[in-house]
């Protein structure tokens, strides 16, 4: 079943993630705010990837010693989709 949800990240430049999943696979990711080029690149790479694999790859990535990053926050957003 296809579902779309929104997640507000914490501690990063991005303001919101819009994520569409279907049967455990990422179908679309839109990042509002943040570094546009990087966000579009990460979002494009995630399309077609199983949610659990994306979480494993993104979790723990740090941005400038913040303790989190947009990819890390995406992992928490995707965790909600499971």
N, C-alpha and C. Protein backbone atom coordinates (compact mmCIF):
# COMPACT_ATOMS: atom_id res chain seq x y z
N UNK A 1 0.84 -1.18 0.00
CA UNK A 1 0.00 0.00 0.00
C UNK A 1 0.89 1.25 0.00
N UNK A 2 0.57 2.19 -0.84
CA UNK A 2 1.32 3.44 -0.94
C UNK A 2 0.88 4.39 0.15
N UNK A 3 1.88 5.03 0.82
CA UNK A 3 1.54 6.04 1.81
C UNK A 3 2.56 7.16 1.76
N UNK A 4 2.08 8.37 2.02
CA UNK A 4 2.92 9.56 2.05
C UNK A 4 2.82 10.16 3.44
N UNK A 5 3.96 10.55 3.98
CA UNK A 5 3.94 11.19 5.30
C UNK A 5 4.98 12.30 5.34
N UNK A 6 4.85 13.14 6.35
CA UNK A 6 5.72 14.29 6.52
C UNK A 6 6.45 14.17 7.85
N UNK A 7 7.69 14.66 7.86
CA UNK A 7 8.51 14.61 9.07
C UNK A 7 9.24 15.94 9.20
N UNK A 8 9.22 16.50 10.40
CA UNK A 8 9.95 17.74 10.68
C UNK A 8 11.27 17.38 11.36
N UNK A 9 12.39 17.56 10.66
CA UNK A 9 13.69 17.21 11.24
C UNK A 9 14.11 18.19 12.33
N UNK A 10 15.04 17.74 13.16
CA UNK A 10 15.53 18.55 14.28
C UNK A 10 17.04 18.76 14.13
N UNK A 11 17.49 20.00 14.32
CA UNK A 11 18.92 20.29 14.35
C UNK A 11 19.61 20.39 13.01
N UNK A 12 18.85 20.52 11.93
CA UNK A 12 19.43 20.61 10.59
C UNK A 12 18.79 21.76 9.82
N UNK A 13 19.34 22.05 8.65
CA UNK A 13 18.83 23.15 7.83
C UNK A 13 17.48 22.83 7.18
N UNK A 14 17.28 21.57 6.80
CA UNK A 14 16.02 21.17 6.16
C UNK A 14 14.86 21.43 7.12
N UNK A 15 13.74 21.85 6.56
CA UNK A 15 12.58 22.20 7.37
C UNK A 15 11.53 21.08 7.42
N UNK A 16 11.47 20.28 6.36
CA UNK A 16 10.48 19.20 6.33
C UNK A 16 10.86 18.19 5.26
N UNK A 17 10.51 16.92 5.53
CA UNK A 17 10.66 15.85 4.55
C UNK A 17 9.27 15.35 4.18
N UNK A 18 9.06 15.11 2.90
CA UNK A 18 7.85 14.46 2.40
C UNK A 18 8.30 13.15 1.79
N UNK A 19 7.83 12.04 2.34
CA UNK A 19 8.30 10.73 1.93
C UNK A 19 7.13 9.85 1.52
N UNK A 20 7.24 9.24 0.34
CA UNK A 20 6.24 8.29 -0.12
C UNK A 20 6.88 6.91 -0.17
N UNK A 21 6.20 5.95 0.43
CA UNK A 21 6.68 4.56 0.43
C UNK A 21 5.57 3.66 -0.09
N UNK A 22 5.98 2.49 -0.54
CA UNK A 22 5.02 1.48 -0.99
C UNK A 22 5.62 0.11 -0.76
N UNK A 23 4.95 -0.69 0.04
CA UNK A 23 5.39 -2.07 0.31
C UNK A 23 6.84 -2.15 0.77
N UNK A 24 7.24 -1.23 1.68
CA UNK A 24 8.57 -1.28 2.25
C UNK A 24 9.67 -0.68 1.39
N UNK A 25 9.29 -0.01 0.30
CA UNK A 25 10.26 0.58 -0.62
C UNK A 25 9.99 2.08 -0.74
N UNK A 26 11.06 2.86 -0.81
CA UNK A 26 10.93 4.31 -0.95
C UNK A 26 10.58 4.64 -2.40
N UNK A 27 9.51 5.40 -2.58
CA UNK A 27 9.06 5.76 -3.93
C UNK A 27 9.36 7.21 -4.27
N UNK A 28 9.40 8.10 -3.27
CA UNK A 28 9.69 9.51 -3.52
C UNK A 28 10.11 10.18 -2.23
N UNK A 29 11.06 11.11 -2.33
CA UNK A 29 11.49 11.92 -1.19
C UNK A 29 11.62 13.36 -1.66
N UNK A 30 10.99 14.28 -0.92
CA UNK A 30 11.12 15.71 -1.19
C UNK A 30 11.62 16.35 0.09
N UNK A 31 12.69 17.15 -0.04
CA UNK A 31 13.25 17.85 1.11
C UNK A 31 12.95 19.34 0.93
N UNK A 32 12.31 19.93 1.93
CA UNK A 32 12.01 21.36 1.91
C UNK A 32 13.04 22.07 2.77
N UNK A 33 13.73 23.05 2.19
CA UNK A 33 14.78 23.76 2.89
C UNK A 33 16.09 22.98 2.79
N UNK A 34 17.12 23.50 3.43
CA UNK A 34 18.40 22.81 3.42
C UNK A 34 19.17 23.06 2.14
N UNK A 35 20.21 22.28 1.95
CA UNK A 35 21.09 22.40 0.78
C UNK A 35 20.42 21.71 -0.41
N UNK A 36 19.91 22.49 -1.33
CA UNK A 36 19.07 21.96 -2.41
C UNK A 36 19.75 20.87 -3.23
N UNK A 37 20.97 21.10 -3.66
CA UNK A 37 21.65 20.11 -4.50
C UNK A 37 21.88 18.80 -3.77
N UNK A 38 22.40 18.87 -2.56
CA UNK A 38 22.65 17.66 -1.77
C UNK A 38 21.34 16.93 -1.46
N UNK A 39 20.33 17.69 -1.09
CA UNK A 39 19.04 17.08 -0.75
C UNK A 39 18.43 16.36 -1.95
N UNK A 40 18.50 16.98 -3.12
CA UNK A 40 17.96 16.35 -4.32
C UNK A 40 18.76 15.10 -4.66
N UNK A 41 20.07 15.15 -4.48
CA UNK A 41 20.92 14.00 -4.78
C UNK A 41 20.61 12.83 -3.87
N UNK A 42 20.53 13.08 -2.58
CA UNK A 42 20.21 12.02 -1.62
C UNK A 42 18.83 11.46 -1.91
N UNK A 43 17.87 12.34 -2.13
CA UNK A 43 16.50 11.89 -2.41
C UNK A 43 16.45 11.01 -3.65
N UNK A 44 17.16 11.38 -4.69
CA UNK A 44 17.18 10.60 -5.92
C UNK A 44 17.80 9.22 -5.70
N UNK A 45 18.85 9.16 -4.91
CA UNK A 45 19.51 7.88 -4.63
C UNK A 45 18.63 6.94 -3.81
N UNK A 46 17.72 7.49 -3.01
CA UNK A 46 16.88 6.66 -2.14
C UNK A 46 15.71 6.00 -2.88
N UNK A 47 15.28 6.58 -3.99
CA UNK A 47 14.12 6.04 -4.71
C UNK A 47 14.42 4.61 -5.17
N UNK A 48 13.52 3.71 -4.81
CA UNK A 48 13.65 2.30 -5.18
C UNK A 48 14.36 1.47 -4.12
N UNK A 49 14.90 2.11 -3.10
CA UNK A 49 15.64 1.41 -2.05
C UNK A 49 14.69 0.93 -0.95
N UNK A 50 14.92 -0.28 -0.44
CA UNK A 50 14.13 -0.73 0.72
C UNK A 50 14.36 0.20 1.90
N UNK A 51 13.31 0.48 2.64
CA UNK A 51 13.37 1.41 3.77
C UNK A 51 14.46 1.00 4.76
N UNK A 52 14.51 -0.26 5.12
CA UNK A 52 15.49 -0.71 6.11
C UNK A 52 16.92 -0.50 5.65
N UNK A 53 17.20 -0.69 4.38
CA UNK A 53 18.54 -0.46 3.83
C UNK A 53 18.89 1.03 3.90
N UNK A 54 17.95 1.89 3.57
CA UNK A 54 18.20 3.33 3.62
C UNK A 54 18.50 3.77 5.05
N UNK A 55 17.75 3.26 6.01
CA UNK A 55 18.00 3.60 7.41
C UNK A 55 19.42 3.19 7.80
N UNK A 56 19.80 1.99 7.44
CA UNK A 56 21.13 1.48 7.78
C UNK A 56 22.23 2.37 7.19
N UNK A 57 22.04 2.82 5.97
CA UNK A 57 23.07 3.63 5.31
C UNK A 57 23.14 5.07 5.82
N UNK A 58 22.00 5.63 6.22
CA UNK A 58 21.93 7.05 6.58
C UNK A 58 22.16 7.33 8.07
N UNK A 59 21.82 6.38 8.92
CA UNK A 59 21.87 6.59 10.37
C UNK A 59 23.29 6.91 10.83
N UNK A 60 23.41 7.98 11.60
CA UNK A 60 24.68 8.34 12.21
C UNK A 60 25.55 9.29 11.41
N UNK A 61 25.14 9.66 10.21
CA UNK A 61 25.93 10.63 9.43
C UNK A 61 25.85 11.98 10.14
N UNK A 62 27.01 12.61 10.33
CA UNK A 62 27.09 13.86 11.08
C UNK A 62 27.43 15.03 10.15
N UNK A 63 26.92 16.19 10.47
CA UNK A 63 27.20 17.41 9.70
C UNK A 63 27.87 18.43 10.62
N UNK A 64 29.14 18.69 10.39
CA UNK A 64 29.87 19.73 11.12
C UNK A 64 29.79 19.59 12.63
N UNK A 65 29.82 18.37 13.16
CA UNK A 65 29.81 18.15 14.60
C UNK A 65 28.49 18.44 15.29
N UNK A 66 27.40 18.50 14.53
CA UNK A 66 26.07 18.77 15.10
C UNK A 66 25.50 17.55 15.82
N UNK A 67 26.07 16.37 15.55
CA UNK A 67 25.51 15.15 16.11
C UNK A 67 24.40 14.57 15.26
N UNK A 68 24.07 15.24 14.18
CA UNK A 68 23.05 14.77 13.24
C UNK A 68 23.31 15.44 11.89
N UNK A 69 22.48 15.14 10.92
CA UNK A 69 22.56 15.72 9.58
C UNK A 69 21.23 15.48 8.90
N UNK A 70 21.06 16.05 7.73
CA UNK A 70 19.82 15.78 6.98
C UNK A 70 19.67 14.29 6.66
N UNK A 71 20.74 13.59 6.20
CA UNK A 71 20.59 12.16 5.98
C UNK A 71 20.25 11.39 7.26
N UNK A 72 20.89 11.75 8.38
CA UNK A 72 20.59 11.11 9.66
C UNK A 72 19.13 11.33 10.04
N UNK A 73 18.65 12.55 9.88
CA UNK A 73 17.26 12.85 10.19
C UNK A 73 16.31 12.11 9.25
N UNK A 74 16.72 11.93 8.00
CA UNK A 74 15.90 11.14 7.07
C UNK A 74 15.77 9.70 7.57
N UNK A 75 16.81 9.19 8.19
CA UNK A 75 16.74 7.82 8.71
C UNK A 75 15.68 7.71 9.80
N UNK A 76 15.56 8.74 10.63
CA UNK A 76 14.53 8.72 11.67
C UNK A 76 13.13 8.87 11.06
N UNK A 77 13.04 9.68 10.02
CA UNK A 77 11.76 9.81 9.33
C UNK A 77 11.35 8.48 8.72
N UNK A 78 12.29 7.79 8.08
CA UNK A 78 11.99 6.51 7.45
C UNK A 78 11.65 5.43 8.48
N UNK A 79 12.25 5.52 9.64
CA UNK A 79 11.94 4.56 10.70
C UNK A 79 10.45 4.61 11.06
N UNK A 80 9.87 5.80 11.01
CA UNK A 80 8.44 5.94 11.27
C UNK A 80 7.58 5.24 10.23
N UNK A 81 8.14 5.07 9.03
CA UNK A 81 7.38 4.44 7.95
C UNK A 81 7.25 2.93 8.14
N UNK A 82 8.11 2.37 8.97
CA UNK A 82 8.09 0.90 9.13
C UNK A 82 6.93 0.42 9.96
